[in-house]
Amino acid sequence: SSLSAASLKPVDGKIDLAPIVALNTALATASTALDSAAASVAA
């Protein structure tokens, strides 16, 4: 929600890596949560 489509494309030949790093951290947390939820439902 803090991103925009424009923030993910190159500007003057440079990609801002900060949003990608932040998104990676959030995805790692999400991956752990989904694994846990999937295991609990399977049980």
PDB file of all heavy atoms in Angstrom:
ATOM      1  N   SER A   1       0.813  -1.214   0.000  1.00  0.00           N
ATOM      2  CA  SER A   1       0.000   0.000   0.000  1.00  0.00           C
ATOM      3  C   SER A   1       0.850   1.269   0.000  1.00  0.00           C
ATOM      4  O   SER A   1       0.348   2.349  -0.316  1.00  0.00           O
ATOM      5  CB  SER A   1      -0.939   0.005   1.213  1.00  0.00           C
ATOM      6  OG  SER A   1      -0.199  -0.001   2.414  1.00  0.00           O
ATOM      7  N   SER A   2       2.126   1.118   0.354  1.00  0.00           N
ATOM      8  CA  SER A   2       3.017   2.283   0.335  1.00  0.00           C
ATOM      9  C   SER A   2       3.724   2.425  -1.009  1.00  0.00           C
ATOM     10  O   SER A   2       4.527   3.348  -1.206  1.00  0.00           O
ATOM     11  CB  SER A   2       4.063   2.168   1.454  1.00  0.00           C
ATOM     12  OG  SER A   2       4.920   1.064   1.222  1.00  0.00           O
ATOM     13  N   LEU A   3       3.424   1.489  -1.916  1.00  0.00           N
ATOM     14  CA  LEU A   3       4.045   1.527  -3.235  1.00  0.00           C
ATOM     15  C   LEU A   3       3.091   2.119  -4.255  1.00  0.00           C
ATOM     16  O   LEU A   3       1.914   2.301  -4.009  1.00  0.00           O
ATOM     17  CB  LEU A   3       4.423   0.116  -3.687  1.00  0.00           C
ATOM     18  CG  LEU A   3       5.354  -0.703  -2.799  1.00  0.00           C
ATOM     19  CD1 LEU A   3       5.519  -2.102  -3.403  1.00  0.00           C
ATOM     20  CD2 LEU A   3       6.698  -0.035  -2.661  1.00  0.00           C
ATOM     21  N   SER A   4       3.640   2.358  -5.406  1.00  0.00           N
ATOM     22  CA  SER A   4       2.840   2.702  -6.579  1.00  0.00           C
ATOM     23  C   SER A   4       3.453   1.953  -7.741  1.00  0.00           C
ATOM     24  O   SER A   4       4.597   1.499  -7.665  1.00  0.00           O
ATOM     25  CB  SER A   4       2.863   4.210  -6.846  1.00  0.00           C
ATOM     26  OG  SER A   4       4.173   4.616  -7.241  1.00  0.00           O
ATOM     27  N   ALA A   5       2.694   1.795  -8.809  1.00  0.00           N
ATOM     28  CA  ALA A   5       3.241   1.112  -9.975  1.00  0.00           C
ATOM     29  C   ALA A   5       4.494   1.813 -10.473  1.00  0.00           C
ATOM     30  O   ALA A   5       5.460   1.185 -10.897  1.00  0.00           O
ATOM     31  CB  ALA A   5       2.186   1.059 -11.081  1.00  0.00           C
ATOM     32  N   ALA A   6       4.492   3.137 -10.396  1.00  0.00           N
ATOM     33  CA  ALA A   6       5.639   3.910 -10.882  1.00  0.00           C
ATOM     34  C   ALA A   6       6.897   3.649 -10.064  1.00  0.00           C
ATOM     35  O   ALA A   6       8.014   3.746 -10.577  1.00  0.00           O
ATOM     36  CB  ALA A   6       5.305   5.398 -10.858  1.00  0.00           C
ATOM     37  N   SER A   7       6.723   3.296  -8.777  1.00  0.00           N
ATOM     38  CA  SER A   7       7.894   3.112  -7.927  1.00  0.00           C
ATOM     39  C   SER A   7       8.662   1.846  -8.270  1.00  0.00           C
ATOM     40  O   SER A   7       9.783   1.652  -7.813  1.00  0.00           O
ATOM     41  CB  SER A   7       7.474   3.072  -6.453  1.00  0.00           C
ATOM     42  OG  SER A   7       6.727   1.895  -6.175  1.00  0.00           O
ATOM     43  N   LEU A   8       8.060   0.962  -9.064  1.00  0.00           N
ATOM     44  CA  LEU A   8       8.715  -0.293  -9.408  1.00  0.00           C
ATOM     45  C   LEU A   8       9.417  -0.255 -10.761  1.00  0.00           C
ATOM     46  O   LEU A   8      10.040  -1.232 -11.153  1.00  0.00           O
ATOM     47  CB  LEU A   8       7.682  -1.425  -9.411  1.00  0.00           C
ATOM     48  CG  LEU A   8       7.018  -1.710  -8.061  1.00  0.00           C
ATOM     49  CD1 LEU A   8       5.979  -2.808  -8.219  1.00  0.00           C
ATOM     50  CD2 LEU A   8       8.045  -2.093  -7.007  1.00  0.00           C
ATOM     51  N   LYS A   9       9.328   0.849 -11.481  1.00  0.00           N
ATOM     52  CA  LYS A   9       9.980   0.906 -12.779  1.00  0.00           C
ATOM     53  C   LYS A   9      11.206   1.805 -12.715  1.00  0.00           C
ATOM     54  O   LYS A   9      11.345   2.653 -11.822  1.00  0.00           O
ATOM     55  CB  LYS A   9       9.005   1.410 -13.845  1.00  0.00           C
ATOM     56  CG  LYS A   9       8.636   2.879 -13.741  1.00  0.00           C
ATOM     57  CD  LYS A   9       7.729   3.279 -14.902  1.00  0.00           C
ATOM     58  CE  LYS A   9       7.421   4.776 -14.880  1.00  0.00           C
ATOM     59  NZ  LYS A   9       6.579   5.163 -16.015  1.00  0.00           N
ATOM     60  N   PRO A  10      12.155   1.624 -13.644  1.00  0.00           N
ATOM     61  CA  PRO A  10      13.371   2.431 -13.624  1.00  0.00           C
ATOM     62  C   PRO A  10      13.080   3.914 -13.814  1.00  0.00           C
ATOM     63  O   PRO A  10      12.189   4.302 -14.583  1.00  0.00           O
ATOM     64  CB  PRO A  10      14.171   1.886 -14.813  1.00  0.00           C
ATOM     65  CG  PRO A  10      13.603   0.538 -15.083  1.00  0.00           C
ATOM     66  CD  PRO A  10      12.155   0.632 -14.736  1.00  0.00           C
ATOM     67  N   VAL A  11      13.825   4.743 -13.116  1.00  0.00           N
ATOM     68  CA  VAL A  11      13.768   6.192 -13.281  1.00  0.00           C
ATOM     69  C   VAL A  11      15.183   6.665 -13.563  1.00  0.00           C
ATOM     70  O   VAL A  11      16.097   6.434 -12.768  1.00  0.00           O
ATOM     71  CB  VAL A  11      13.219   6.886 -12.011  1.00  0.00           C
ATOM     72  CG1 VAL A  11      13.257   8.403 -12.191  1.00  0.00           C
ATOM     73  CG2 VAL A  11      11.799   6.426 -11.719  1.00  0.00           C
ATOM     74  N   ASP A  12      15.364   7.282 -14.733  1.00  0.00           N
ATOM     75  CA  ASP A  12      16.705   7.704 -15.161  1.00  0.00           C
ATOM     76  C   ASP A  12      17.679   6.540 -15.106  1.00  0.00           C
ATOM     77  O   ASP A  12      18.833   6.666 -14.673  1.00  0.00           O
ATOM     78  CB  ASP A  12      17.213   8.862 -14.290  1.00  0.00           C
ATOM     79  CG  ASP A  12      16.366  10.117 -14.452  1.00  0.00           C
ATOM     80  OD1 ASP A  12      15.829  10.328 -15.561  1.00  0.00           O
ATOM     81  OD2 ASP A  12      16.223  10.878 -13.479  1.00  0.00           O
ATOM     82  N   GLY A  13      17.200   5.350 -15.522  1.00  0.00           N
ATOM     83  CA  GLY A  13      18.069   4.194 -15.604  1.00  0.00           C
ATOM     84  C   GLY A  13      18.347   3.496 -14.293  1.00  0.00           C
ATOM     85  O   GLY A  13      19.226   2.633 -14.227  1.00  0.00           O
ATOM     86  N   LYS A  14      17.590   3.813 -13.231  1.00  0.00           N
ATOM     87  CA  LYS A  14      17.841   3.177 -11.942  1.00  0.00           C
ATOM     88  C   LYS A  14      16.551   2.659 -11.335  1.00  0.00           C
ATOM     89  O   LYS A  14      15.527   3.330 -11.342  1.00  0.00           O
ATOM     90  CB  LYS A  14      18.511   4.147 -10.975  1.00  0.00           C
ATOM     91  CG  LYS A  14      18.854   3.506  -9.626  1.00  0.00           C
ATOM     92  CD  LYS A  14      19.651   4.425  -8.717  1.00  0.00           C
ATOM     93  CE  LYS A  14      20.008   3.712  -7.417  1.00  0.00           C
ATOM     94  NZ  LYS A  14      20.822   4.542  -6.513  1.00  0.00           N
ATOM     95  N   ILE A  15      16.643   1.440 -10.780  1.00  0.00           N
ATOM     96  CA  ILE A  15      15.524   0.831 -10.059  1.00  0.00           C
ATOM     97  C   ILE A  15      15.745   1.045  -8.572  1.00  0.00           C
ATOM     98  O   ILE A  15      16.824   0.744  -8.043  1.00  0.00           O
ATOM     99  CB  ILE A  15      15.433  -0.673 -10.362  1.00  0.00           C
ATOM    100  CG1 ILE A  15      15.182  -0.908 -11.850  1.00  0.00           C
ATOM    101  CG2 ILE A  15      14.342  -1.326  -9.531  1.00  0.00           C
ATOM    102  CD1 ILE A  15      15.239  -2.362 -12.261  1.00  0.00           C
ATOM    103  N   ASP A  16      14.733   1.572  -7.882  1.00  0.00           N
ATOM    104  CA  ASP A  16      14.823   1.757  -6.433  1.00  0.00           C
ATOM    105  C   ASP A  16      14.661   0.383  -5.774  1.00  0.00           C
ATOM    106  O   ASP A  16      13.609  -0.242  -5.862  1.00  0.00           O
ATOM    107  CB  ASP A  16      13.719   2.714  -5.965  1.00  0.00           C
ATOM    108  CG  ASP A  16      13.810   3.015  -4.469  1.00  0.00           C
ATOM    109  OD1 ASP A  16      14.774   2.554  -3.819  1.00  0.00           O
ATOM    110  OD2 ASP A  16      12.919   3.724  -3.961  1.00  0.00           O
ATOM    111  N   LEU A  17      15.714  -0.086  -5.106  1.00  0.00           N
ATOM    112  CA  LEU A  17      15.691  -1.424  -4.526  1.00  0.00           C
ATOM    113  C   LEU A  17      14.992  -1.489  -3.174  1.00  0.00           C
ATOM    114  O   LEU A  17      14.619  -2.577  -2.722  1.00  0.00           O
ATOM    115  CB  LEU A  17      17.122  -1.956  -4.381  1.00  0.00           C
ATOM    116  CG  LEU A  17      17.924  -2.097  -5.677  1.00  0.00           C
ATOM    117  CD1 LEU A  17      19.288  -2.715  -5.386  1.00  0.00           C
ATOM    118  CD2 LEU A  17      17.173  -2.939  -6.704  1.00  0.00           C
ATOM    119  N   ALA A  18      14.813  -0.360  -2.505  1.00  0.00           N
ATOM    120  CA  ALA A  18      14.225  -0.363  -1.159  1.00  0.00           C
ATOM    121  C   ALA A  18      12.850  -1.040  -1.121  1.00  0.00           C
ATOM    122  O   ALA A  18      12.590  -1.866  -0.234  1.00  0.00           O
ATOM    123  CB  ALA A  18      14.146   1.056  -0.612  1.00  0.00           C
ATOM    124  N   PRO A  19      11.936  -0.732  -2.042  1.00  0.00           N
ATOM    125  CA  PRO A  19      10.626  -1.413  -2.010  1.00  0.00           C
ATOM    126  C   PRO A  19      10.736  -2.918  -2.209  1.00  0.00           C
ATOM    127  O   PRO A  19       9.978  -3.681  -1.618  1.00  0.00           O
ATOM    128  CB  PRO A  19       9.865  -0.756  -3.168  1.00  0.00           C
ATOM    129  CG  PRO A  19      10.535   0.551  -3.390  1.00  0.00           C
ATOM    130  CD  PRO A  19      11.977   0.306  -3.089  1.00  0.00           C
ATOM    131  N   ILE A  20      11.706  -3.340  -3.036  1.00  0.00           N
ATOM    132  CA  ILE A  20      11.876  -4.775  -3.285  1.00  0.00           C
ATOM    133  C   ILE A  20      12.372  -5.468  -2.022  1.00  0.00           C
ATOM    134  O   ILE A  20      11.912  -6.555  -1.671  1.00  0.00           O
ATOM    135  CB  ILE A  20      12.850  -5.006  -4.453  1.00  0.00           C
ATOM    136  CG1 ILE A  20      12.290  -4.389  -5.741  1.00  0.00           C
ATOM    137  CG2 ILE A  20      13.109  -6.497  -4.656  1.00  0.00           C
ATOM    138  CD1 ILE A  20      13.217  -4.483  -6.929  1.00  0.00           C
ATOM    139  N   VAL A  21      13.307  -4.830  -1.313  1.00  0.00           N
ATOM    140  CA  VAL A  21      13.825  -5.391  -0.069  1.00  0.00           C
ATOM    141  C   VAL A  21      12.709  -5.490   0.972  1.00  0.00           C
ATOM    142  O   VAL A  21      12.563  -6.512   1.660  1.00  0.00           O
ATOM    143  CB  VAL A  21      14.995  -4.545   0.471  1.00  0.00           C
ATOM    144  CG1 VAL A  21      15.413  -5.025   1.858  1.00  0.00           C
ATOM    145  CG2 VAL A  21      16.178  -4.597  -0.485  1.00  0.00           C
ATOM    146  N   ALA A  22      11.898  -4.422   1.090  1.00  0.00           N
ATOM    147  CA  ALA A  22      10.794  -4.430   2.057  1.00  0.00           C
ATOM    148  C   ALA A  22       9.762  -5.486   1.707  1.00  0.00           C
ATOM    149  O   ALA A  22       9.246  -6.198   2.582  1.00  0.00           O
ATOM    150  CB  ALA A  22      10.141  -3.051   2.100  1.00  0.00           C
ATOM    151  N   LEU A  23       9.464  -5.610   0.432  1.00  0.00           N
ATOM    152  CA  LEU A  23       8.493  -6.605  -0.009  1.00  0.00           C
ATOM    153  C   LEU A  23       9.005  -8.013   0.252  1.00  0.00           C
ATOM    154  O   LEU A  23       8.242  -8.905   0.648  1.00  0.00           O
ATOM    155  CB  LEU A  23       8.200  -6.414  -1.503  1.00  0.00           C
ATOM    156  CG  LEU A  23       7.068  -7.258  -2.094  1.00  0.00           C
ATOM    157  CD1 LEU A  23       5.757  -6.973  -1.394  1.00  0.00           C
ATOM    158  CD2 LEU A  23       6.943  -7.006  -3.590  1.00  0.00           C
ATOM    159  N   ASN A  24      10.309  -8.219   0.073  1.00  0.00           N
ATOM    160  CA  ASN A  24      10.893  -9.530   0.328  1.00  0.00           C
ATOM    161  C   ASN A  24      10.739  -9.929   1.792  1.00  0.00           C
ATOM    162  O   ASN A  24      10.408 -11.074   2.116  1.00  0.00           O
ATOM    163  CB  ASN A  24      12.372  -9.527  -0.059  1.00  0.00           C
ATOM    164  CG  ASN A  24      13.056 -10.839   0.267  1.00  0.00           C
ATOM    165  OD1 ASN A  24      12.606 -11.896  -0.148  1.00  0.00           O
ATOM    166  ND2 ASN A  24      14.119 -10.771   1.042  1.00  0.00           N
ATOM    167  N   THR A  25      10.958  -8.968   2.706  1.00  0.00           N
ATOM    168  CA  THR A  25      10.796  -9.245   4.132  1.00  0.00           C
ATOM    169  C   THR A  25       9.352  -9.639   4.451  1.00  0.00           C
ATOM    170  O   THR A  25       9.100 -10.598   5.196  1.00  0.00           O
ATOM    171  CB  THR A  25      11.187  -8.011   4.966  1.00  0.00           C
ATOM    172  OG1 THR A  25      12.555  -7.680   4.692  1.00  0.00           O
ATOM    173  CG2 THR A  25      11.032  -8.275   6.447  1.00  0.00           C
ATOM    174  N   ALA A  26       8.411  -8.904   3.869  1.00  0.00           N
ATOM    175  CA  ALA A  26       6.992  -9.193   4.105  1.00  0.00           C
ATOM    176  C   ALA A  26       6.606 -10.552   3.522  1.00  0.00           C
ATOM    177  O   ALA A  26       5.840 -11.316   4.124  1.00  0.00           O
ATOM    178  CB  ALA A  26       6.127  -8.098   3.500  1.00  0.00           C
ATOM    179  N   LEU A  27       7.139 -10.884   2.352  1.00  0.00           N
ATOM    180  CA  LEU A  27       6.817 -12.163   1.726  1.00  0.00           C
ATOM    181  C   LEU A  27       7.379 -13.329   2.532  1.00  0.00           C
ATOM    182  O   LEU A  27       6.764 -14.397   2.606  1.00  0.00           O
ATOM    183  CB  LEU A  27       7.369 -12.202   0.296  1.00  0.00           C
ATOM    184  CG  LEU A  27       6.566 -11.410  -0.745  1.00  0.00           C
ATOM    185  CD1 LEU A  27       7.347 -11.300  -2.038  1.00  0.00           C
ATOM    186  CD2 LEU A  27       5.216 -12.075  -1.002  1.00  0.00           C
ATOM    187  N   ALA A  28       8.540 -13.140   3.136  1.00  0.00           N
ATOM    188  CA  ALA A  28       9.118 -14.197   3.972  1.00  0.00           C
ATOM    189  C   ALA A  28       8.208 -14.477   5.167  1.00  0.00           C
ATOM    190  O   ALA A  28       7.963 -15.639   5.536  1.00  0.00           O
ATOM    191  CB  ALA A  28      10.511 -13.793   4.439  1.00  0.00           C
ATOM    192  N   THR A  29       7.677 -13.399   5.787  1.00  0.00           N
ATOM    193  CA  THR A  29       6.741 -13.550   6.901  1.00  0.00           C
ATOM    194  C   THR A  29       5.458 -14.243   6.431  1.00  0.00           C
ATOM    195  O   THR A  29       4.934 -15.136   7.104  1.00  0.00           O
ATOM    196  CB  THR A  29       6.389 -12.177   7.495  1.00  0.00           C
ATOM    197  OG1 THR A  29       7.586 -11.551   7.964  1.00  0.00           O
ATOM    198  CG2 THR A  29       5.401 -12.304   8.648  1.00  0.00           C
ATOM    199  N   ALA A  30       4.975 -13.822   5.271  1.00  0.00           N
ATOM    200  CA  ALA A  30       3.749 -14.402   4.719  1.00  0.00           C
ATOM    201  C   ALA A  30       3.932 -15.880   4.411  1.00  0.00           C
ATOM    202  O   ALA A  30       3.030 -16.695   4.642  1.00  0.00           O
ATOM    203  CB  ALA A  30       3.336 -13.650   3.463  1.00  0.00           C
ATOM    204  N   SER A  31       5.081 -16.233   3.893  1.00  0.00           N
ATOM    205  CA  SER A  31       5.352 -17.626   3.550  1.00  0.00           C
ATOM    206  C   SER A  31       5.306 -18.517   4.794  1.00  0.00           C
ATOM    207  O   SER A  31       4.716 -19.599   4.783  1.00  0.00           O
ATOM    208  CB  SER A  31       6.722 -17.751   2.870  1.00  0.00           C
ATOM    209  OG  SER A  31       6.973 -19.084   2.493  1.00  0.00           O
ATOM    210  N   THR A  32       5.900 -18.024   5.893  1.00  0.00           N
ATOM    211  CA  THR A  32       5.887 -18.773   7.154  1.00  0.00           C
ATOM    212  C   THR A  32       4.454 -18.945   7.670  1.00  0.00           C
ATOM    213  O   THR A  32       4.056 -20.029   8.117  1.00  0.00           O
ATOM    214  CB  THR A  32       6.735 -18.055   8.215  1.00  0.00           C
ATOM    215  OG1 THR A  32       8.083 -17.954   7.744  1.00  0.00           O
ATOM    216  CG2 THR A  32       6.715 -18.805   9.529  1.00  0.00           C
ATOM    217  N   ALA A  33       3.662 -17.863   7.599  1.00  0.00           N
ATOM    218  CA  ALA A  33       2.280 -17.909   8.072  1.00  0.00           C
ATOM    219  C   ALA A  33       1.439 -18.874   7.242  1.00  0.00           C
ATOM    220  O   ALA A  33       0.630 -19.638   7.790  1.00  0.00           O
ATOM    221  CB  ALA A  33       1.670 -16.515   8.042  1.00  0.00           C
ATOM    222  N   LEU A  34       1.604 -18.867   5.947  1.00  0.00           N
ATOM    223  CA  LEU A  34       0.836 -19.756   5.080  1.00  0.00           C
ATOM    224  C   LEU A  34       1.208 -21.213   5.323  1.00  0.00           C
ATOM    225  O   LEU A  34       0.337 -22.092   5.324  1.00  0.00           O
ATOM    226  CB  LEU A  34       1.064 -19.388   3.612  1.00  0.00           C
ATOM    227  CG  LEU A  34       0.254 -18.193   3.105  1.00  0.00           C
ATOM    228  CD1 LEU A  34       0.803 -17.700   1.779  1.00  0.00           C
ATOM    229  CD2 LEU A  34      -1.219 -18.576   2.946  1.00  0.00           C
ATOM    230  N   ASP A  35       2.485 -21.471   5.520  1.00  0.00           N
ATOM    231  CA  ASP A  35       2.904 -22.848   5.829  1.00  0.00           C
ATOM    232  C   ASP A  35       2.242 -23.324   7.124  1.00  0.00           C
ATOM    233  O   ASP A  35       1.768 -24.463   7.222  1.00  0.00           O
ATOM    234  CB  ASP A  35       4.421 -22.927   5.963  1.00  0.00           C
ATOM    235  CG  ASP A  35       5.138 -22.829   4.625  1.00  0.00           C
ATOM    236  OD1 ASP A  35       4.477 -23.055   3.591  1.00  0.00           O
ATOM    237  OD2 ASP A  35       6.347 -22.526   4.612  1.00  0.00           O
ATOM    238  N   SER A  36       2.210 -22.448   8.132  1.00  0.00           N
ATOM    239  CA  SER A  36       1.610 -22.789   9.424  1.00  0.00           C
ATOM    240  C   SER A  36       0.114 -23.027   9.276  1.00  0.00           C
ATOM    241  O   SER A  36      -0.437 -23.996   9.820  1.00  0.00           O
ATOM    242  CB  SER A  36       1.872 -21.667  10.435  1.00  0.00           C
ATOM    243  OG  SER A  36       1.249 -21.939  11.669  1.00  0.00           O
ATOM    244  N   ALA A  37      -0.555 -22.138   8.531  1.00  0.00           N
ATOM    245  CA  ALA A  37      -2.003 -22.274   8.338  1.00  0.00           C
ATOM    246  C   ALA A  37      -2.327 -23.547   7.567  1.00  0.00           C
ATOM    247  O   ALA A  37      -3.285 -24.261   7.898  1.00  0.00           O
ATOM    248  CB  ALA A  37      -2.545 -21.050   7.608  1.00  0.00           C
ATOM    249  N   ALA A  38      -1.545 -23.834   6.536  1.00  0.00           N
ATOM    250  CA  ALA A  38      -1.770 -25.037   5.737  1.00  0.00           C
ATOM    251  C   ALA A  38      -1.614 -26.293   6.598  1.00  0.00           C
ATOM    252  O   ALA A  38      -2.405 -27.242   6.493  1.00  0.00           O
ATOM    253  CB  ALA A  38      -0.803 -25.087   4.561  1.00  0.00           C
ATOM    254  N   ALA A  39      -0.605 -26.281   7.482  1.00  0.00           N
ATOM    255  CA  ALA A  39      -0.381 -27.434   8.359  1.00  0.00           C
ATOM    256  C   ALA A  39      -1.526 -27.600   9.354  1.00  0.00           C
ATOM    257  O   ALA A  39      -1.974 -28.725   9.626  1.00  0.00           O
ATOM    258  CB  ALA A  39       0.946 -27.272   9.099  1.00  0.00           C
ATOM    259  N   SER A  40      -2.031 -26.493   9.893  1.00  0.00           N
ATOM    260  CA  SER A  40      -3.110 -26.577  10.884  1.00  0.00           C
ATOM    261  C   SER A  40      -4.409 -27.066  10.254  1.00  0.00           C
ATOM    262  O   SER A  40      -5.156 -27.852  10.857  1.00  0.00           O
ATOM    263  CB  SER A  40      -3.331 -25.216  11.562  1.00  0.00           C
ATOM    264  OG  SER A  40      -3.806 -24.254  10.634  1.00  0.00           O
ATOM    265  N   VAL A  41      -4.695 -26.629   9.037  1.00  0.00           N
ATOM    266  CA  VAL A  41      -5.916 -27.090   8.358  1.00  0.00           C
ATOM    267  C   VAL A  41      -5.794 -28.558   7.982  1.00  0.00           C
ATOM    268  O   VAL A  41      -6.764 -29.323   8.073  1.00  0.00           O
ATOM    269  CB  VAL A  41      -6.198 -26.222   7.115  1.00  0.00           C
ATOM    270  CG1 VAL A  41      -7.323 -26.836   6.269  1.00  0.00           C
ATOM    271  CG2 VAL A  41      -6.601 -24.815   7.535  1.00  0.00           C
ATOM    272  N   ALA A  42      -4.607 -28.974   7.578  1.00  0.00           N
ATOM    273  CA  ALA A  42      -4.399 -30.382   7.230  1.00  0.00           C
ATOM    274  C   ALA A  42      -4.636 -31.288   8.433  1.00  0.00           C
ATOM    275  O   ALA A  42      -4.992 -32.464   8.281  1.00  0.00           O
ATOM    276  CB  ALA A  42      -2.991 -30.581   6.682  1.00  0.00           C
ATOM    277  N   ALA A  43      -4.431 -30.740   9.639  1.00  0.00           N
ATOM    278  CA  ALA A  43      -4.587 -31.531  10.866  1.00  0.00           C
ATOM    279  C   ALA A  43      -6.020 -31.530  11.403  1.00  0.00           C
ATOM    280  O   ALA A  43      -6.313 -32.229  12.377  1.00  0.00           O
ATOM    281  CB  ALA A  43      -3.640 -30.999  11.940  1.00  0.00           C
TER     282      ALA A  43
END
